Protein backbone atom coordinates (compact mmCIF):
# COMPACT_ATOMS: atom_id res chain seq x y z
CA MET A 1 23.40 -6.86 22.11
CA GLU A 2 24.84 -3.96 20.16
CA THR A 3 23.00 -0.66 20.48
CA VAL A 4 22.90 2.58 18.52
CA THR A 5 21.75 6.06 19.38
CA LEU A 6 19.10 7.65 17.23
CA GLU A 7 18.40 11.37 17.26
CA LEU A 8 14.79 12.39 16.69
CA PRO A 9 12.93 15.64 17.09
CA SER A 10 11.47 15.59 20.58
CA SER A 11 7.91 16.04 19.28
CA LEU A 12 8.28 12.94 17.07
CA HIS A 13 9.68 10.95 19.98
CA THR A 14 6.76 12.05 22.15
CA ASP A 15 4.24 11.05 19.49
CA LEU A 16 5.89 7.65 18.99
CA GLN A 17 6.00 7.02 22.74
CA ALA A 18 2.30 7.86 22.95
CA LEU A 19 1.49 5.42 20.13
CA ALA A 20 3.48 2.70 21.83
CA ALA A 21 1.75 3.37 25.15
CA GLU A 22 -1.68 3.12 23.48
CA GLN A 23 -0.73 -0.38 22.36
CA ASP A 24 0.66 -1.33 25.77
CA GLY A 25 4.07 -1.89 24.21
CA ASP A 26 7.43 -0.27 24.13
CA LEU A 27 8.71 1.99 21.41
CA VAL A 28 11.51 -0.30 20.20
CA ALA A 29 9.15 -3.27 19.85
CA MET A 30 6.64 -1.15 17.95
CA LEU A 31 9.29 0.18 15.56
CA SER A 32 10.67 -3.32 15.02
CA LEU A 33 7.20 -4.54 14.13
CA TRP A 34 6.72 -1.68 11.67
CA VAL A 35 10.04 -2.50 9.99
CA ARG A 36 9.08 -6.17 9.60
CA GLN A 37 5.63 -5.23 8.27
CA ARG A 38 7.16 -2.84 5.75
CA GLN A 39 9.67 -5.46 4.63
CA ASN A 40 6.86 -7.99 4.16
CA TRP A 41 4.77 -5.45 2.27
CA LEU A 42 7.67 -4.59 -0.05
CA ARG A 43 8.41 -8.28 -0.66
CA GLU A 44 4.76 -8.97 -1.49
CA LEU A 45 4.65 -5.93 -3.79
CA CYS A 46 7.71 -7.21 -5.66
CA GLU A 47 6.10 -10.63 -5.97
CA LEU A 48 2.93 -9.05 -7.35
CA ARG A 49 4.91 -6.98 -9.87
CA ASP A 50 6.80 -10.09 -10.97
CA LEU A 51 3.55 -12.03 -11.38
CA ILE A 52 1.99 -9.25 -13.44
CA GLN A 53 5.06 -9.10 -15.66
CA ARG A 54 5.18 -12.90 -16.10
CA GLU A 55 1.49 -12.92 -17.03
CA GLY A 56 2.04 -10.32 -19.75
CA GLY A 57 1.48 -7.10 -17.86
CA LEU A 58 -1.61 -5.00 -17.45
CA ALA A 59 -3.14 -4.73 -20.89
CA VAL A 60 -4.53 -1.23 -20.51
CA GLY A 61 -2.86 0.44 -23.48
CA ASP A 62 0.41 1.80 -24.76
CA THR A 63 -0.55 5.46 -24.87
CA LYS A 64 -2.27 7.83 -22.50
CA GLU A 65 -5.30 7.91 -24.78
CA LYS A 66 -5.55 4.10 -24.86
CA VAL A 67 -5.29 3.89 -21.06
CA VAL A 68 -8.06 6.47 -20.65
CA GLU A 69 -10.19 4.66 -23.22
CA HIS A 70 -9.69 1.35 -21.39
CA MET A 71 -10.54 2.90 -18.03
CA ARG A 72 -13.73 4.46 -19.40
CA LYS A 73 -14.77 1.13 -20.91
CA THR A 74 -14.09 -0.68 -17.63
CA ARG A 75 -15.99 1.95 -15.65
CA GLN A 76 -18.96 1.60 -18.02
CA GLU A 77 -18.91 -2.20 -17.68
CA ILE A 78 -18.88 -1.93 -13.88
CA PHE A 79 -21.72 0.58 -13.95
CA GLU A 80 -23.81 -1.65 -16.22
CA ALA A 81 -23.16 -4.73 -14.06
CA GLU A 82 -23.64 -3.13 -10.65
CA TYR A 83 -25.74 0.03 -10.87
CA ALA A 84 -27.63 0.37 -14.15
CA HIS A 85 -30.64 -1.51 -12.82
CA LEU A 86 -31.12 1.22 -10.23
CA TYR A 87 -31.76 3.79 -12.98
CA ARG A 88 -34.21 1.78 -15.08
């Protein structure tokens, strides 16, 4: 297996070693897991963006004012559906 040397500030290395020890694992395995999780997250984010675009985007408005108006309307609808009965 090919190896590389990575230079880190000693305090960062210490913190990472401590995190790995808390999980009863080694640092390299923990970092490898994080890389795979990040790759999966990025792939899923791209898939979500593609789906939103294929479905016509998020219809919240073309201008800042329209977006704010849409958000206020949505917030009011949520309030009416979930909380308004508490104030009657």
